[in-house]
Amino acid sequence: MKGMLLFIIKAYQFVVSPMLGDRCRFYPSCSDYAYQAIERYGMFKGLCISLKRILRCHPFNPGGFDPVP
């Protein structure tokens, strides 16, 4: 299941993300962050960490460097 989720994120990065352009306020991008979090912590905890990050990615947050804990 973890492998399938990582594959979906990579597919998003190669297919959808180039059409949207660079819009993420953070480095690494939210999709890279999610990939790293799931790879490091597993599916459940990685998804929770990723969701918190995605919820912080909005116009009122200055963004910046935010590595996976």
N, C-alpha and C. Protein backbone atom coordinates (compact mmCIF):
# COMPACT_ATOMS: atom_id res chain seq x y z
N MET A 1 0.83 -1.20 0.00
CA MET A 1 0.00 0.00 0.00
C MET A 1 0.87 1.26 0.00
N LYS A 2 1.93 1.25 0.83
CA LYS A 2 2.85 2.38 0.89
C LYS A 2 3.47 2.64 -0.49
N GLY A 3 3.88 1.57 -1.16
CA GLY A 3 4.49 1.70 -2.48
C GLY A 3 3.53 2.30 -3.49
N MET A 4 2.27 1.92 -3.42
CA MET A 4 1.26 2.45 -4.34
C MET A 4 1.06 3.95 -4.09
N LEU A 5 1.03 4.34 -2.84
CA LEU A 5 0.86 5.75 -2.50
C LEU A 5 2.05 6.58 -2.99
N LEU A 6 3.26 6.05 -2.82
CA LEU A 6 4.45 6.75 -3.31
C LEU A 6 4.43 6.85 -4.83
N PHE A 7 3.95 5.81 -5.50
CA PHE A 7 3.82 5.83 -6.96
C PHE A 7 2.83 6.91 -7.40
N ILE A 8 1.72 7.03 -6.69
CA ILE A 8 0.71 8.04 -7.02
C ILE A 8 1.30 9.45 -6.87
N ILE A 9 2.08 9.67 -5.82
CA ILE A 9 2.70 10.98 -5.63
C ILE A 9 3.68 11.27 -6.76
N LYS A 10 4.50 10.29 -7.14
CA LYS A 10 5.45 10.49 -8.25
C LYS A 10 4.71 10.74 -9.56
N ALA A 11 3.61 10.02 -9.79
CA ALA A 11 2.82 10.24 -11.00
C ALA A 11 2.26 11.66 -11.01
N TYR A 12 1.77 12.13 -9.88
CA TYR A 12 1.28 13.51 -9.76
C TYR A 12 2.40 14.50 -10.10
N GLN A 13 3.61 14.24 -9.56
CA GLN A 13 4.73 15.15 -9.80
C GLN A 13 5.11 15.23 -11.27
N PHE A 14 5.01 14.12 -11.99
CA PHE A 14 5.42 14.10 -13.39
C PHE A 14 4.31 14.49 -14.36
N VAL A 15 3.05 14.29 -13.98
CA VAL A 15 1.94 14.55 -14.90
C VAL A 15 1.21 15.85 -14.58
N VAL A 16 0.75 16.00 -13.36
CA VAL A 16 -0.10 17.14 -13.00
C VAL A 16 0.71 18.38 -12.62
N SER A 17 1.71 18.20 -11.79
CA SER A 17 2.48 19.33 -11.27
C SER A 17 3.09 20.23 -12.35
N PRO A 18 3.66 19.68 -13.43
CA PRO A 18 4.20 20.58 -14.47
C PRO A 18 3.14 21.48 -15.12
N MET A 19 1.91 21.02 -15.17
CA MET A 19 0.84 21.83 -15.74
C MET A 19 0.44 22.98 -14.82
N LEU A 20 0.61 22.79 -13.51
CA LEU A 20 0.23 23.81 -12.53
C LEU A 20 1.32 24.84 -12.31
N GLY A 21 2.56 24.47 -12.54
CA GLY A 21 3.67 25.39 -12.32
C GLY A 21 4.12 25.38 -10.86
N ASP A 22 5.12 26.21 -10.56
CA ASP A 22 5.65 26.30 -9.19
C ASP A 22 4.73 27.17 -8.35
N ARG A 23 3.92 26.53 -7.54
CA ARG A 23 2.97 27.28 -6.71
C ARG A 23 3.16 27.05 -5.22
N CYS A 24 3.94 26.06 -4.85
CA CYS A 24 4.09 25.75 -3.43
C CYS A 24 4.92 26.83 -2.76
N ARG A 25 4.50 27.25 -1.59
CA ARG A 25 5.17 28.30 -0.84
C ARG A 25 6.36 27.77 -0.06
N PHE A 26 6.47 26.47 0.02
CA PHE A 26 7.49 25.85 0.85
C PHE A 26 8.56 25.15 0.02
N TYR A 27 9.69 24.91 0.65
CA TYR A 27 10.71 24.03 0.09
C TYR A 27 11.02 22.99 1.14
N PRO A 28 10.96 21.73 0.85
CA PRO A 28 10.58 21.12 -0.42
C PRO A 28 9.09 21.30 -0.70
N SER A 29 8.71 21.08 -1.95
CA SER A 29 7.30 21.24 -2.33
C SER A 29 6.44 20.29 -1.50
N CYS A 30 5.16 20.56 -1.45
CA CYS A 30 4.25 19.73 -0.64
C CYS A 30 4.26 18.27 -1.09
N SER A 31 4.35 18.04 -2.40
CA SER A 31 4.36 16.65 -2.87
C SER A 31 5.68 15.96 -2.51
N ASP A 32 6.81 16.68 -2.59
CA ASP A 32 8.09 16.11 -2.14
C ASP A 32 8.06 15.84 -0.64
N TYR A 33 7.49 16.76 0.09
CA TYR A 33 7.37 16.62 1.54
C TYR A 33 6.54 15.38 1.88
N ALA A 34 5.42 15.20 1.20
CA ALA A 34 4.56 14.04 1.44
C ALA A 34 5.31 12.75 1.11
N TYR A 35 6.02 12.74 0.00
CA TYR A 35 6.79 11.55 -0.40
C TYR A 35 7.82 11.20 0.67
N GLN A 36 8.56 12.21 1.13
CA GLN A 36 9.59 11.97 2.14
C GLN A 36 8.98 11.52 3.47
N ALA A 37 7.87 12.13 3.87
CA ALA A 37 7.23 11.78 5.13
C ALA A 37 6.70 10.35 5.11
N ILE A 38 6.08 9.96 4.01
CA ILE A 38 5.54 8.60 3.91
C ILE A 38 6.68 7.59 3.84
N GLU A 39 7.73 7.93 3.13
CA GLU A 39 8.89 7.05 3.03
C GLU A 39 9.55 6.86 4.40
N ARG A 40 9.65 7.94 5.17
CA ARG A 40 10.33 7.90 6.46
C ARG A 40 9.47 7.29 7.58
N TYR A 41 8.19 7.69 7.65
CA TYR A 41 7.35 7.32 8.79
C TYR A 41 6.29 6.27 8.50
N GLY A 42 6.15 5.87 7.26
CA GLY A 42 5.11 4.92 6.92
C GLY A 42 3.85 5.63 6.47
N MET A 43 2.89 4.84 6.04
CA MET A 43 1.71 5.40 5.40
C MET A 43 0.86 6.26 6.34
N PHE A 44 0.50 5.74 7.51
CA PHE A 44 -0.44 6.47 8.37
C PHE A 44 0.17 7.75 8.93
N LYS A 45 1.30 7.64 9.61
CA LYS A 45 1.92 8.82 10.22
C LYS A 45 2.40 9.79 9.13
N GLY A 46 2.92 9.26 8.03
CA GLY A 46 3.38 10.11 6.93
C GLY A 46 2.24 10.92 6.33
N LEU A 47 1.07 10.29 6.18
CA LEU A 47 -0.09 11.01 5.65
C LEU A 47 -0.56 12.10 6.62
N CYS A 48 -0.53 11.80 7.92
CA CYS A 48 -0.93 12.81 8.92
C CYS A 48 0.01 14.01 8.88
N ILE A 49 1.32 13.75 8.83
CA ILE A 49 2.30 14.84 8.76
C ILE A 49 2.10 15.64 7.47
N SER A 50 1.87 14.94 6.37
CA SER A 50 1.68 15.60 5.07
C SER A 50 0.42 16.46 5.07
N LEU A 51 -0.64 15.97 5.65
CA LEU A 51 -1.89 16.73 5.70
C LEU A 51 -1.72 18.03 6.49
N LYS A 52 -0.99 17.95 7.62
CA LYS A 52 -0.72 19.17 8.40
C LYS A 52 0.03 20.19 7.55
N ARG A 53 0.99 19.71 6.78
CA ARG A 53 1.78 20.61 5.92
C ARG A 53 0.89 21.22 4.84
N ILE A 54 0.07 20.40 4.19
CA ILE A 54 -0.79 20.90 3.12
C ILE A 54 -1.77 21.94 3.65
N LEU A 55 -2.25 21.76 4.87
CA LEU A 55 -3.16 22.74 5.46
C LEU A 55 -2.46 24.06 5.77
N ARG A 56 -1.13 24.04 5.94
CA ARG A 56 -0.37 25.28 6.16
C ARG A 56 -0.01 25.98 4.86
N CYS A 57 -0.21 25.32 3.73
CA CYS A 57 0.19 25.88 2.43
C CYS A 57 -0.97 26.72 1.88
N HIS A 58 -0.99 27.99 2.27
CA HIS A 58 -2.04 28.91 1.82
C HIS A 58 -1.44 30.31 1.69
N PRO A 59 -2.14 31.24 1.06
CA PRO A 59 -1.58 32.57 0.78
C PRO A 59 -1.19 33.38 2.02
N PHE A 60 -1.73 33.06 3.19
CA PHE A 60 -1.44 33.84 4.38
C PHE A 60 -0.23 33.31 5.16
N ASN A 61 0.35 32.22 4.71
CA ASN A 61 1.55 31.66 5.32
C ASN A 61 2.74 32.06 4.47
N PRO A 62 3.81 32.60 5.08
CA PRO A 62 4.95 33.03 4.28
C PRO A 62 5.73 31.89 3.63
N GLY A 63 5.57 30.66 4.11
CA GLY A 63 6.28 29.53 3.52
C GLY A 63 7.73 29.52 3.94
N GLY A 64 8.60 29.04 3.04
CA GLY A 64 10.02 28.96 3.32
C GLY A 64 10.49 27.52 3.45
N PHE A 65 11.66 27.34 4.04
CA PHE A 65 12.25 26.02 4.20
C PHE A 65 11.55 25.29 5.33
N ASP A 66 11.03 24.10 5.05
CA ASP A 66 10.28 23.32 6.03
C ASP A 66 10.54 21.84 5.78
N PRO A 67 11.64 21.30 6.34
CA PRO A 67 11.96 19.89 6.09
C PRO A 67 11.05 18.96 6.89
N VAL A 68 11.00 17.71 6.47
CA VAL A 68 10.25 16.68 7.20
C VAL A 68 10.93 16.48 8.55
N PRO A 69 10.16 16.48 9.65
CA PRO A 69 10.79 16.31 10.98
C PRO A 69 11.44 14.94 11.13
